[in-house]
Amino acid sequence: MSQNIEIEFKNMLTKEEYERFLLEFNIDKRQIFSQENHYFDTPDFTLKELGSALRIRKKQRSYEMTLKQPAAVGILETNQTLSYEEAAQAIQSGKLPVGLIQTLLEKDNVHFSTIEYFGSLSTNRVEIAYKNGLLVLDQSFYLNKEDYELEYEVENYQEGKRAFLELLSQLQIPERKTDNKIRRFYDQKYKQQNPNGI
């Protein structure tokens, strides 16, 4: 079990910008790895309304359940390692494993029994050390949608923001308001469930 504050900057990319970025940083296709995120919420999107999100991530052969909650600066991430059996049960039946994440959610009056499996998002990712931080370039697939995104994970907010904006400027990529993957997934799921905007 671990908790940490995540500070990251994000920017959506076009396919052409994504491909230009791969060339600019000399990314070899062998550096790109895949990971799978499985998302959960209540039927009426309670976690989304709280600004929180719950996922189980499969990365190589391990599984981790992560609760993301708003913090004064950045996002508070609580991580809980899962066995294959716990992850499979959560994805197949919606039964989530007990632990600190359950306790934190119930403090927000979100009961584990009301949470359902919403679906998965798969990502082709490459990570690059860059100016005291980590650049992450993602191509994601979810709910019949594909998108491209640049993330920059840092420990110092001001220093990170400056380096990120300089990089975008250097590559002539406009700054775009960018929701995180979970929010984009939820918005797409909501649109699919409410095609008439009701």
N, C-alpha and C. Protein backbone atom coordinates (compact mmCIF):
# COMPACT_ATOMS: atom_id res chain seq x y z
N MET A 1 0.86 -1.19 0.00
CA MET A 1 0.00 0.00 0.00
C MET A 1 0.89 1.23 0.00
N SER A 2 0.61 2.20 -0.87
CA SER A 2 1.41 3.42 -0.89
C SER A 2 0.53 4.60 -1.25
N GLN A 3 0.96 5.79 -0.79
CA GLN A 3 0.29 7.02 -1.17
C GLN A 3 1.34 8.01 -1.63
N ASN A 4 1.02 8.79 -2.66
CA ASN A 4 1.93 9.82 -3.11
C ASN A 4 1.14 10.92 -3.81
N ILE A 5 1.75 12.12 -3.85
CA ILE A 5 1.15 13.23 -4.58
C ILE A 5 1.71 13.21 -5.99
N GLU A 6 0.82 13.22 -6.96
CA GLU A 6 1.23 13.21 -8.36
C GLU A 6 1.09 14.62 -8.92
N ILE A 7 2.20 15.16 -9.45
CA ILE A 7 2.16 16.45 -10.13
C ILE A 7 2.53 16.19 -11.59
N GLU A 8 1.59 16.44 -12.47
CA GLU A 8 1.89 16.22 -13.88
C GLU A 8 1.17 17.24 -14.74
N PHE A 9 1.78 17.53 -15.88
CA PHE A 9 1.20 18.42 -16.87
C PHE A 9 0.85 17.57 -18.08
N LYS A 10 -0.26 17.92 -18.75
CA LYS A 10 -0.76 17.10 -19.86
C LYS A 10 -1.10 17.98 -21.04
N ASN A 11 -0.98 17.41 -22.22
CA ASN A 11 -1.40 18.11 -23.43
C ASN A 11 -1.81 17.08 -24.48
N MET A 12 -3.02 17.26 -25.01
CA MET A 12 -3.45 16.38 -26.10
C MET A 12 -2.61 16.70 -27.34
N LEU A 13 -2.37 15.67 -28.14
CA LEU A 13 -1.61 15.81 -29.38
C LEU A 13 -2.45 15.31 -30.55
N THR A 14 -2.16 15.84 -31.72
CA THR A 14 -2.72 15.26 -32.93
C THR A 14 -1.84 14.06 -33.29
N LYS A 15 -2.31 13.22 -34.20
CA LYS A 15 -1.50 12.08 -34.64
C LYS A 15 -0.18 12.57 -35.24
N GLU A 16 -0.25 13.64 -36.01
CA GLU A 16 0.95 14.19 -36.67
C GLU A 16 1.95 14.70 -35.61
N GLU A 17 1.46 15.37 -34.55
CA GLU A 17 2.33 15.87 -33.48
C GLU A 17 2.96 14.71 -32.72
N TYR A 18 2.16 13.68 -32.48
CA TYR A 18 2.66 12.47 -31.81
C TYR A 18 3.81 11.85 -32.60
N GLU A 19 3.61 11.70 -33.91
CA GLU A 19 4.65 11.10 -34.76
C GLU A 19 5.89 11.98 -34.84
N ARG A 20 5.68 13.31 -34.86
CA ARG A 20 6.81 14.25 -34.87
C ARG A 20 7.60 14.14 -33.57
N PHE A 21 6.89 13.97 -32.47
CA PHE A 21 7.54 13.83 -31.16
C PHE A 21 8.41 12.57 -31.13
N LEU A 22 7.89 11.45 -31.67
CA LEU A 22 8.67 10.20 -31.73
C LEU A 22 9.97 10.42 -32.49
N LEU A 23 9.90 11.17 -33.59
CA LEU A 23 11.11 11.44 -34.39
C LEU A 23 12.06 12.37 -33.64
N GLU A 24 11.51 13.44 -33.05
CA GLU A 24 12.32 14.45 -32.35
C GLU A 24 13.15 13.82 -31.23
N PHE A 25 12.57 12.84 -30.53
CA PHE A 25 13.26 12.20 -29.41
C PHE A 25 13.88 10.85 -29.78
N ASN A 26 13.95 10.57 -31.09
CA ASN A 26 14.56 9.32 -31.59
C ASN A 26 14.02 8.08 -30.88
N ILE A 27 12.70 7.98 -30.81
CA ILE A 27 12.07 6.85 -30.11
C ILE A 27 12.09 5.62 -31.02
N ASP A 28 12.69 4.56 -30.52
CA ASP A 28 12.68 3.27 -31.21
C ASP A 28 11.38 2.56 -30.82
N LYS A 29 10.72 1.93 -31.78
CA LYS A 29 9.45 1.24 -31.50
C LYS A 29 9.58 0.24 -30.34
N ARG A 30 10.80 -0.29 -30.12
CA ARG A 30 11.00 -1.26 -29.03
C ARG A 30 10.92 -0.61 -27.65
N GLN A 31 11.00 0.74 -27.60
CA GLN A 31 10.88 1.44 -26.32
C GLN A 31 9.42 1.58 -25.89
N ILE A 32 8.50 1.35 -26.82
CA ILE A 32 7.07 1.51 -26.53
C ILE A 32 6.53 0.24 -25.89
N PHE A 33 5.84 0.39 -24.76
CA PHE A 33 5.26 -0.77 -24.09
C PHE A 33 3.76 -0.53 -23.90
N SER A 34 3.03 -1.61 -23.65
CA SER A 34 1.58 -1.52 -23.51
C SER A 34 1.16 -1.68 -22.06
N GLN A 35 0.11 -1.00 -21.68
CA GLN A 35 -0.50 -1.22 -20.37
C GLN A 35 -2.01 -1.09 -20.51
N GLU A 36 -2.70 -1.67 -19.56
CA GLU A 36 -4.15 -1.74 -19.64
C GLU A 36 -4.73 -1.18 -18.35
N ASN A 37 -5.68 -0.24 -18.48
CA ASN A 37 -6.38 0.33 -17.33
C ASN A 37 -7.83 -0.13 -17.35
N HIS A 38 -8.34 -0.53 -16.19
CA HIS A 38 -9.74 -0.93 -16.05
C HIS A 38 -10.39 0.05 -15.07
N TYR A 39 -11.49 0.70 -15.49
CA TYR A 39 -12.09 1.77 -14.72
C TYR A 39 -13.39 1.36 -14.03
N PHE A 40 -13.62 1.96 -12.87
CA PHE A 40 -14.78 1.66 -12.03
C PHE A 40 -15.43 2.96 -11.55
N ASP A 41 -16.74 2.94 -11.40
CA ASP A 41 -17.47 4.05 -10.77
C ASP A 41 -18.85 3.52 -10.42
N THR A 42 -19.66 4.35 -9.78
CA THR A 42 -21.05 3.97 -9.51
C THR A 42 -21.86 4.25 -10.77
N PRO A 43 -23.05 3.66 -10.90
CA PRO A 43 -23.86 3.89 -12.10
C PRO A 43 -24.17 5.37 -12.35
N ASP A 44 -24.23 6.18 -11.29
CA ASP A 44 -24.50 7.61 -11.48
C ASP A 44 -23.23 8.47 -11.38
N PHE A 45 -22.06 7.85 -11.60
CA PHE A 45 -20.78 8.58 -11.71
C PHE A 45 -20.42 9.36 -10.44
N THR A 46 -20.62 8.77 -9.27
CA THR A 46 -20.33 9.45 -8.00
C THR A 46 -18.85 9.84 -7.89
N LEU A 47 -17.95 8.93 -8.27
CA LEU A 47 -16.52 9.25 -8.16
C LEU A 47 -16.17 10.42 -9.07
N LYS A 48 -16.68 10.39 -10.28
CA LYS A 48 -16.44 11.49 -11.23
C LYS A 48 -16.90 12.81 -10.63
N GLU A 49 -18.08 12.80 -10.00
CA GLU A 49 -18.61 14.02 -9.40
C GLU A 49 -17.72 14.53 -8.26
N LEU A 50 -17.07 13.61 -7.55
CA LEU A 50 -16.17 13.99 -6.45
C LEU A 50 -14.80 14.44 -6.96
N GLY A 51 -14.58 14.32 -8.28
CA GLY A 51 -13.26 14.63 -8.84
C GLY A 51 -12.27 13.51 -8.60
N SER A 52 -12.79 12.33 -8.21
CA SER A 52 -11.95 11.16 -7.93
C SER A 52 -12.06 10.15 -9.06
N ALA A 53 -11.20 9.14 -9.01
CA ALA A 53 -11.26 8.09 -10.02
C ALA A 53 -10.65 6.81 -9.45
N LEU A 54 -11.15 5.68 -9.94
CA LEU A 54 -10.68 4.38 -9.46
C LEU A 54 -10.36 3.50 -10.66
N ARG A 55 -9.16 2.92 -10.63
CA ARG A 55 -8.76 2.05 -11.74
C ARG A 55 -7.96 0.87 -11.21
N ILE A 56 -7.93 -0.17 -12.02
CA ILE A 56 -6.98 -1.27 -11.83
C ILE A 56 -6.12 -1.28 -13.07
N ARG A 57 -4.81 -1.27 -12.87
CA ARG A 57 -3.89 -1.25 -14.01
C ARG A 57 -3.14 -2.56 -14.09
N LYS A 58 -3.12 -3.10 -15.29
CA LYS A 58 -2.27 -4.27 -15.57
C LYS A 58 -1.04 -3.74 -16.29
N LYS A 59 0.12 -4.03 -15.72
CA LYS A 59 1.38 -3.58 -16.31
C LYS A 59 2.32 -4.78 -16.28
N GLN A 60 2.67 -5.28 -17.44
CA GLN A 60 3.38 -6.55 -17.55
C GLN A 60 2.61 -7.64 -16.82
N ARG A 61 3.16 -8.19 -15.73
CA ARG A 61 2.45 -9.30 -15.07
C ARG A 61 1.92 -8.94 -13.69
N SER A 62 1.83 -7.63 -13.39
CA SER A 62 1.33 -7.26 -12.06
C SER A 62 0.08 -6.40 -12.18
N TYR A 63 -0.66 -6.31 -11.08
CA TYR A 63 -1.91 -5.54 -11.04
C TYR A 63 -1.87 -4.59 -9.85
N GLU A 64 -2.42 -3.39 -10.05
CA GLU A 64 -2.45 -2.40 -8.98
C GLU A 64 -3.77 -1.64 -9.07
N MET A 65 -4.44 -1.50 -7.93
CA MET A 65 -5.65 -0.70 -7.86
C MET A 65 -5.25 0.68 -7.35
N THR A 66 -5.69 1.74 -8.05
CA THR A 66 -5.32 3.11 -7.69
C THR A 66 -6.57 3.97 -7.54
N LEU A 67 -6.63 4.68 -6.42
CA LEU A 67 -7.66 5.69 -6.21
C LEU A 67 -6.98 7.05 -6.35
N LYS A 68 -7.51 7.89 -7.24
CA LYS A 68 -6.98 9.25 -7.41
C LYS A 68 -8.00 10.21 -6.83
N GLN A 69 -7.51 11.11 -5.95
CA GLN A 69 -8.39 12.09 -5.30
C GLN A 69 -7.75 13.48 -5.40
N PRO A 70 -8.56 14.53 -5.49
CA PRO A 70 -8.00 15.88 -5.56
C PRO A 70 -7.16 16.20 -4.32
N ALA A 71 -6.06 16.93 -4.53
CA ALA A 71 -5.21 17.40 -3.42
C ALA A 71 -4.98 18.89 -3.62
N ALA A 72 -4.40 19.56 -2.61
CA ALA A 72 -4.16 21.01 -2.70
C ALA A 72 -3.32 21.33 -3.93
N VAL A 73 -2.26 20.55 -4.16
CA VAL A 73 -1.46 20.65 -5.38
C VAL A 73 -1.38 19.25 -5.96
N GLY A 74 -1.80 19.10 -7.18
CA GLY A 74 -1.73 17.79 -7.82
C GLY A 74 -2.85 16.86 -7.38
N ILE A 75 -2.56 15.57 -7.44
CA ILE A 75 -3.54 14.52 -7.17
C ILE A 75 -2.95 13.57 -6.12
N LEU A 76 -3.77 13.20 -5.13
CA LEU A 76 -3.34 12.19 -4.16
C LEU A 76 -3.67 10.82 -4.75
N GLU A 77 -2.62 10.00 -4.90
CA GLU A 77 -2.80 8.64 -5.41
C GLU A 77 -2.60 7.65 -4.28
N THR A 78 -3.57 6.75 -4.12
CA THR A 78 -3.44 5.65 -3.17
C THR A 78 -3.40 4.38 -3.98
N ASN A 79 -2.34 3.59 -3.78
CA ASN A 79 -2.12 2.37 -4.57
C ASN A 79 -2.21 1.13 -3.70
N GLN A 80 -2.85 0.10 -4.23
CA GLN A 80 -3.01 -1.17 -3.52
C GLN A 80 -2.65 -2.29 -4.51
N THR A 81 -1.62 -3.07 -4.18
CA THR A 81 -1.21 -4.18 -5.05
C THR A 81 -2.26 -5.30 -4.98
N LEU A 82 -2.59 -5.86 -6.14
CA LEU A 82 -3.59 -6.93 -6.21
C LEU A 82 -2.98 -8.20 -6.79
N SER A 83 -3.53 -9.32 -6.38
CA SER A 83 -3.17 -10.59 -7.02
C SER A 83 -3.94 -10.68 -8.34
N TYR A 84 -3.54 -11.60 -9.20
CA TYR A 84 -4.27 -11.82 -10.45
C TYR A 84 -5.73 -12.16 -10.15
N GLU A 85 -5.95 -13.00 -9.13
CA GLU A 85 -7.31 -13.44 -8.77
C GLU A 85 -8.17 -12.26 -8.33
N GLU A 86 -7.60 -11.35 -7.49
CA GLU A 86 -8.36 -10.19 -7.03
C GLU A 86 -8.73 -9.28 -8.21
N ALA A 87 -7.75 -9.05 -9.10
CA ALA A 87 -8.00 -8.19 -10.26
C ALA A 87 -9.06 -8.82 -11.17
N ALA A 88 -8.94 -10.12 -11.43
CA ALA A 88 -9.89 -10.80 -12.31
C ALA A 88 -11.30 -10.75 -11.73
N GLN A 89 -11.41 -10.97 -10.42
CA GLN A 89 -12.73 -10.94 -9.78
C GLN A 89 -13.35 -9.54 -9.87
N ALA A 90 -12.52 -8.50 -9.68
CA ALA A 90 -13.03 -7.12 -9.76
C ALA A 90 -13.53 -6.81 -11.17
N ILE A 91 -12.77 -7.22 -12.18
CA ILE A 91 -13.12 -6.92 -13.57
C ILE A 91 -14.32 -7.76 -14.03
N GLN A 92 -14.35 -9.02 -13.63
CA GLN A 92 -15.42 -9.90 -14.11
C GLN A 92 -16.73 -9.74 -13.34
N SER A 93 -16.63 -9.50 -12.02
CA SER A 93 -17.88 -9.45 -11.24
C SER A 93 -18.11 -8.12 -10.54
N GLY A 94 -17.13 -7.20 -10.64
CA GLY A 94 -17.27 -5.90 -9.96
C GLY A 94 -17.00 -5.96 -8.47
N LYS A 95 -16.58 -7.14 -7.94
CA LYS A 95 -16.30 -7.28 -6.50
C LYS A 95 -14.87 -6.82 -6.23
N LEU A 96 -14.75 -5.66 -5.57
CA LEU A 96 -13.43 -5.07 -5.33
C LEU A 96 -12.82 -5.57 -4.02
N PRO A 97 -11.49 -5.73 -3.99
CA PRO A 97 -10.84 -6.22 -2.77
C PRO A 97 -10.82 -5.17 -1.66
N VAL A 98 -10.98 -5.62 -0.42
CA VAL A 98 -10.99 -4.72 0.74
C VAL A 98 -9.59 -4.15 0.97
N GLY A 99 -9.53 -3.06 1.75
CA GLY A 99 -8.25 -2.44 2.06
C GLY A 99 -8.41 -0.95 2.26
N LEU A 100 -7.28 -0.22 2.20
CA LEU A 100 -7.28 1.22 2.46
C LEU A 100 -8.17 1.97 1.47
N ILE A 101 -8.18 1.56 0.20
CA ILE A 101 -8.99 2.26 -0.80
C ILE A 101 -10.48 2.20 -0.43
N GLN A 102 -10.92 1.05 0.02
CA GLN A 102 -12.32 0.92 0.46
C GLN A 102 -12.60 1.89 1.61
N THR A 103 -11.68 1.95 2.58
CA THR A 103 -11.84 2.84 3.74
C THR A 103 -11.93 4.29 3.29
N LEU A 104 -11.05 4.72 2.38
CA LEU A 104 -11.05 6.11 1.90
C LEU A 104 -12.35 6.44 1.17
N LEU A 105 -12.83 5.52 0.34
CA LEU A 105 -14.07 5.77 -0.40
C LEU A 105 -15.27 5.85 0.55
N GLU A 106 -15.28 5.00 1.54
CA GLU A 106 -16.43 5.00 2.46
C GLU A 106 -16.44 6.25 3.34
N LYS A 107 -15.25 6.87 3.54
CA LYS A 107 -15.20 8.17 4.22
C LYS A 107 -15.93 9.22 3.40
N ASP A 108 -15.92 9.05 2.07
CA ASP A 108 -16.63 9.96 1.15
C ASP A 108 -18.06 9.48 0.88
N ASN A 109 -18.53 8.54 1.70
CA ASN A 109 -19.88 7.97 1.55
C ASN A 109 -20.10 7.26 0.22
N VAL A 110 -19.03 6.67 -0.31
CA VAL A 110 -19.14 5.84 -1.53
C VAL A 110 -18.94 4.40 -1.07
N HIS A 111 -19.99 3.60 -1.16
CA HIS A 111 -19.91 2.22 -0.69
C HIS A 111 -19.42 1.30 -1.81
N PHE A 112 -18.49 0.41 -1.45
CA PHE A 112 -17.89 -0.50 -2.42
C PHE A 112 -18.96 -1.29 -3.19
N SER A 113 -20.04 -1.62 -2.52
CA SER A 113 -21.07 -2.45 -3.15
C SER A 113 -21.78 -1.73 -4.30
N THR A 114 -21.64 -0.39 -4.36
CA THR A 114 -22.32 0.38 -5.43
C THR A 114 -21.43 0.59 -6.65
N ILE A 115 -20.16 0.20 -6.55
CA ILE A 115 -19.21 0.45 -7.64
C ILE A 115 -19.29 -0.67 -8.68
N GLU A 116 -19.27 -0.25 -9.96
CA GLU A 116 -19.36 -1.20 -11.07
C GLU A 116 -18.16 -1.04 -12.00
N TYR A 117 -17.89 -2.09 -12.75
CA TYR A 117 -16.85 -2.06 -13.77
C TYR A 117 -17.37 -1.32 -14.99
N PHE A 118 -16.62 -0.32 -15.47
CA PHE A 118 -17.07 0.50 -16.60
C PHE A 118 -16.43 0.09 -17.93
N GLY A 119 -15.23 -0.48 -17.89
CA GLY A 119 -14.56 -0.85 -19.14
C GLY A 119 -13.08 -0.60 -19.07
N SER A 120 -12.39 -0.80 -20.20
CA SER A 120 -10.94 -0.70 -20.18
C SER A 120 -10.42 0.30 -21.21
N LEU A 121 -9.20 0.76 -20.95
CA LEU A 121 -8.47 1.66 -21.84
C LEU A 121 -7.08 1.07 -21.97
N SER A 122 -6.62 0.85 -23.20
CA SER A 122 -5.26 0.33 -23.39
C SER A 122 -4.39 1.43 -23.97
N THR A 123 -3.15 1.44 -23.54
CA THR A 123 -2.22 2.51 -23.91
C THR A 123 -0.91 1.93 -24.40
N ASN A 124 -0.42 2.49 -25.52
CA ASN A 124 0.96 2.26 -25.96
C ASN A 124 1.75 3.45 -25.43
N ARG A 125 2.75 3.17 -24.60
CA ARG A 125 3.44 4.23 -23.84
C ARG A 125 4.95 4.18 -24.03
N VAL A 126 5.55 5.38 -24.05
CA VAL A 126 7.01 5.47 -23.98
C VAL A 126 7.33 6.53 -22.92
N GLU A 127 8.37 6.26 -22.11
CA GLU A 127 8.78 7.16 -21.04
C GLU A 127 10.20 7.63 -21.28
N ILE A 128 10.44 8.95 -21.08
CA ILE A 128 11.75 9.54 -21.35
C ILE A 128 12.12 10.46 -20.20
N ALA A 129 13.32 10.28 -19.63
CA ALA A 129 13.80 11.21 -18.60
C ALA A 129 14.05 12.55 -19.28
N TYR A 130 13.55 13.64 -18.66
CA TYR A 130 13.67 14.97 -19.29
C TYR A 130 13.68 16.05 -18.22
N LYS A 131 14.78 16.79 -18.10
CA LYS A 131 14.89 17.96 -17.20
C LYS A 131 14.25 17.75 -15.83
N ASN A 132 14.77 16.89 -15.02
CA ASN A 132 14.28 16.64 -13.66
C ASN A 132 12.86 16.10 -13.60
N GLY A 133 12.42 15.47 -14.67
CA GLY A 133 11.07 14.91 -14.67
C GLY A 133 11.01 13.72 -15.62
N LEU A 134 9.81 13.26 -15.87
CA LEU A 134 9.59 12.12 -16.75
C LEU A 134 8.55 12.50 -17.80
N LEU A 135 8.97 12.48 -19.07
CA LEU A 135 8.03 12.71 -20.18
C LEU A 135 7.39 11.38 -20.53
N VAL A 136 6.08 11.41 -20.73
CA VAL A 136 5.34 10.20 -21.08
C VAL A 136 4.52 10.50 -22.33
N LEU A 137 4.71 9.68 -23.34
CA LEU A 137 3.99 9.85 -24.60
C LEU A 137 3.06 8.66 -24.76
N ASP A 138 1.75 8.94 -24.89
CA ASP A 138 0.74 7.88 -24.91
C ASP A 138 -0.12 7.91 -26.16
N GLN A 139 -0.41 6.71 -26.65
CA GLN A 139 -1.45 6.50 -27.67
C GLN A 139 -2.45 5.58 -27.00
N SER A 140 -3.70 6.06 -26.82
CA SER A 140 -4.70 5.30 -26.06
C SER A 140 -5.90 4.91 -26.91
N PHE A 141 -6.47 3.75 -26.56
CA PHE A 141 -7.63 3.20 -27.25
C PHE A 141 -8.70 2.86 -26.21
N TYR A 142 -9.92 3.38 -26.39
CA TYR A 142 -11.00 3.10 -25.43
C TYR A 142 -12.35 3.42 -26.06
N LEU A 143 -13.33 2.57 -25.81
CA LEU A 143 -14.71 2.81 -26.20
C LEU A 143 -14.83 3.34 -27.64
N ASN A 144 -14.19 2.64 -28.58
CA ASN A 144 -14.20 3.00 -30.01
C ASN A 144 -13.55 4.35 -30.31
N LYS A 145 -12.60 4.75 -29.47
CA LYS A 145 -11.93 6.05 -29.65
C LYS A 145 -10.42 5.84 -29.54
N GLU A 146 -9.66 6.72 -30.20
CA GLU A 146 -8.20 6.69 -30.13
C GLU A 146 -7.73 8.12 -29.90
N ASP A 147 -6.76 8.33 -28.97
CA ASP A 147 -6.20 9.66 -28.82
C ASP A 147 -4.72 9.60 -28.45
N TYR A 148 -4.09 10.77 -28.51
CA TYR A 148 -2.64 10.91 -28.29
C TYR A 148 -2.43 11.99 -27.24
N GLU A 149 -1.44 11.75 -26.36
CA GLU A 149 -1.27 12.66 -25.23
C GLU A 149 0.19 12.70 -24.79
N LEU A 150 0.62 13.89 -24.35
CA LEU A 150 1.93 14.08 -23.76
C LEU A 150 1.73 14.42 -22.29
N GLU A 151 2.46 13.72 -21.40
CA GLU A 151 2.41 14.02 -19.97
C GLU A 151 3.83 14.32 -19.50
N TYR A 152 3.94 15.15 -18.48
CA TYR A 152 5.23 15.45 -17.87
C TYR A 152 5.06 15.36 -16.36
N GLU A 153 5.68 14.34 -15.75
CA GLU A 153 5.57 14.10 -14.31
C GLU A 153 6.78 14.71 -13.61
N VAL A 154 6.51 15.53 -12.58
CA VAL A 154 7.58 16.26 -11.90
C VAL A 154 7.35 16.27 -10.39
N GLU A 155 8.36 16.74 -9.66
CA GLU A 155 8.22 16.91 -8.21
C GLU A 155 8.01 18.38 -7.86
N ASN A 156 8.54 19.29 -8.69
CA ASN A 156 8.41 20.73 -8.43
C ASN A 156 7.45 21.34 -9.46
N TYR A 157 6.34 21.87 -8.98
CA TYR A 157 5.29 22.38 -9.87
C TYR A 157 5.79 23.51 -10.78
N GLN A 158 6.40 24.55 -10.19
CA GLN A 158 6.80 25.72 -10.98
C GLN A 158 7.86 25.36 -12.02
N GLU A 159 8.87 24.63 -11.58
CA GLU A 159 9.96 24.23 -12.49
C GLU A 159 9.40 23.34 -13.61
N GLY A 160 8.50 22.42 -13.24
CA GLY A 160 7.91 21.51 -14.22
C GLY A 160 7.07 22.22 -15.24
N LYS A 161 6.26 23.17 -14.78
CA LYS A 161 5.38 23.91 -15.70
C LYS A 161 6.21 24.68 -16.71
N ARG A 162 7.28 25.33 -16.23
CA ARG A 162 8.15 26.11 -17.12
C ARG A 162 8.77 25.20 -18.19
N ALA A 163 9.33 24.07 -17.77
CA ALA A 163 9.98 23.14 -18.72
C ALA A 163 8.97 22.59 -19.73
N PHE A 164 7.75 22.29 -19.26
CA PHE A 164 6.72 21.71 -20.13
C PHE A 164 6.28 22.72 -21.19
N LEU A 165 6.04 23.96 -20.77
CA LEU A 165 5.60 24.99 -21.72
C LEU A 165 6.71 25.32 -22.73
N GLU A 166 7.96 25.30 -22.26
CA GLU A 166 9.08 25.54 -23.18
C GLU A 166 9.17 24.43 -24.22
N LEU A 167 8.94 23.19 -23.80
CA LEU A 167 8.99 22.06 -24.73
C LEU A 167 7.89 22.18 -25.79
N LEU A 168 6.66 22.49 -25.35
CA LEU A 168 5.56 22.65 -26.30
C LEU A 168 5.89 23.76 -27.31
N SER A 169 6.44 24.86 -26.82
CA SER A 169 6.78 25.98 -27.69
C SER A 169 7.86 25.57 -28.69
N GLN A 170 8.87 24.88 -28.20
CA GLN A 170 9.99 24.43 -29.04
C GLN A 170 9.49 23.51 -30.17
N LEU A 171 8.51 22.66 -29.86
CA LEU A 171 7.98 21.73 -30.88
C LEU A 171 6.79 22.31 -31.63
N GLN A 172 6.47 23.59 -31.34
CA GLN A 172 5.36 24.29 -32.00
C GLN A 172 4.03 23.53 -31.85
N ILE A 173 3.80 23.08 -30.61
CA ILE A 173 2.55 22.39 -30.28
C ILE A 173 1.74 23.33 -29.40
N PRO A 174 0.52 23.68 -29.81
CA PRO A 174 -0.28 24.60 -28.97
C PRO A 174 -0.67 23.96 -27.65
N GLU A 175 -0.73 24.80 -26.60
CA GLU A 175 -1.18 24.32 -25.29
C GLU A 175 -2.68 24.07 -25.38
N ARG A 176 -3.13 22.88 -24.96
CA ARG A 176 -4.55 22.53 -25.03
C ARG A 176 -5.02 22.09 -23.65
N LYS A 177 -6.22 22.53 -23.28
CA LYS A 177 -6.82 22.05 -22.04
C LYS A 177 -6.99 20.54 -22.19
N THR A 178 -6.45 19.78 -21.23
CA THR A 178 -6.44 18.32 -21.36
C THR A 178 -6.94 17.66 -20.09
N ASP A 179 -8.03 16.92 -20.20
CA ASP A 179 -8.51 16.12 -19.08
C ASP A 179 -7.66 14.86 -18.98
N ASN A 180 -7.61 14.28 -17.77
CA ASN A 180 -6.86 13.04 -17.63
C ASN A 180 -7.60 11.89 -18.33
N LYS A 181 -6.92 10.76 -18.47
CA LYS A 181 -7.49 9.61 -19.20
C LYS A 181 -8.81 9.15 -18.59
N ILE A 182 -8.86 9.11 -17.27
CA ILE A 182 -10.06 8.61 -16.62
C ILE A 182 -11.24 9.53 -16.97
N ARG A 183 -11.03 10.83 -16.93
CA ARG A 183 -12.08 11.79 -17.25
C ARG A 183 -12.51 11.63 -18.71
N ARG A 184 -11.54 11.47 -19.61
CA ARG A 184 -11.89 11.30 -21.03
C ARG A 184 -12.67 10.00 -21.23
N PHE A 185 -12.24 8.96 -20.52
CA PHE A 185 -12.95 7.67 -20.59
C PHE A 185 -14.39 7.84 -20.09
N TYR A 186 -14.55 8.47 -18.91
CA TYR A 186 -15.87 8.68 -18.32
C TYR A 186 -16.77 9.50 -19.25
N ASP A 187 -16.19 10.57 -19.83
CA ASP A 187 -16.99 11.42 -20.72
C ASP A 187 -17.48 10.63 -21.93
N GLN A 188 -16.61 9.79 -22.48
CA GLN A 188 -16.99 8.97 -23.63
C GLN A 188 -18.05 7.93 -23.22
N LYS A 189 -17.87 7.33 -22.04
CA LYS A 189 -18.84 6.36 -21.52
C LYS A 189 -20.21 7.04 -21.31
N TYR A 190 -20.17 8.26 -20.74
CA TYR A 190 -21.41 8.99 -20.49
C TYR A 190 -22.12 9.31 -21.80
N LYS A 191 -21.34 9.74 -22.82
CA LYS A 191 -21.93 10.03 -24.14
C LYS A 191 -22.58 8.79 -24.74
N GLN A 192 -21.94 7.63 -24.56
CA GLN A 192 -22.48 6.39 -25.10
C GLN A 192 -23.79 6.01 -24.38
N GLN A 193 -23.83 6.27 -23.06
CA GLN A 193 -25.04 5.93 -22.29
C GLN A 193 -26.16 6.95 -22.49
N ASN A 194 -25.79 8.17 -22.87
CA ASN A 194 -26.77 9.26 -23.05
C ASN A 194 -26.57 9.92 -24.41
N PRO A 195 -26.84 9.18 -25.49
CA PRO A 195 -26.54 9.71 -26.83
C PRO A 195 -27.29 10.99 -27.18
N ASN A 196 -28.41 11.27 -26.52
CA ASN A 196 -29.17 12.50 -26.80
C ASN A 196 -28.84 13.62 -25.83
N GLY A 197 -27.78 13.41 -25.03
CA GLY A 197 -27.37 14.46 -24.09
C GLY A 197 -28.30 14.63 -22.91
N ILE A 198 -29.08 13.61 -22.62
CA ILE A 198 -30.04 13.69 -21.51
C ILE A 198 -29.36 13.26 -20.22
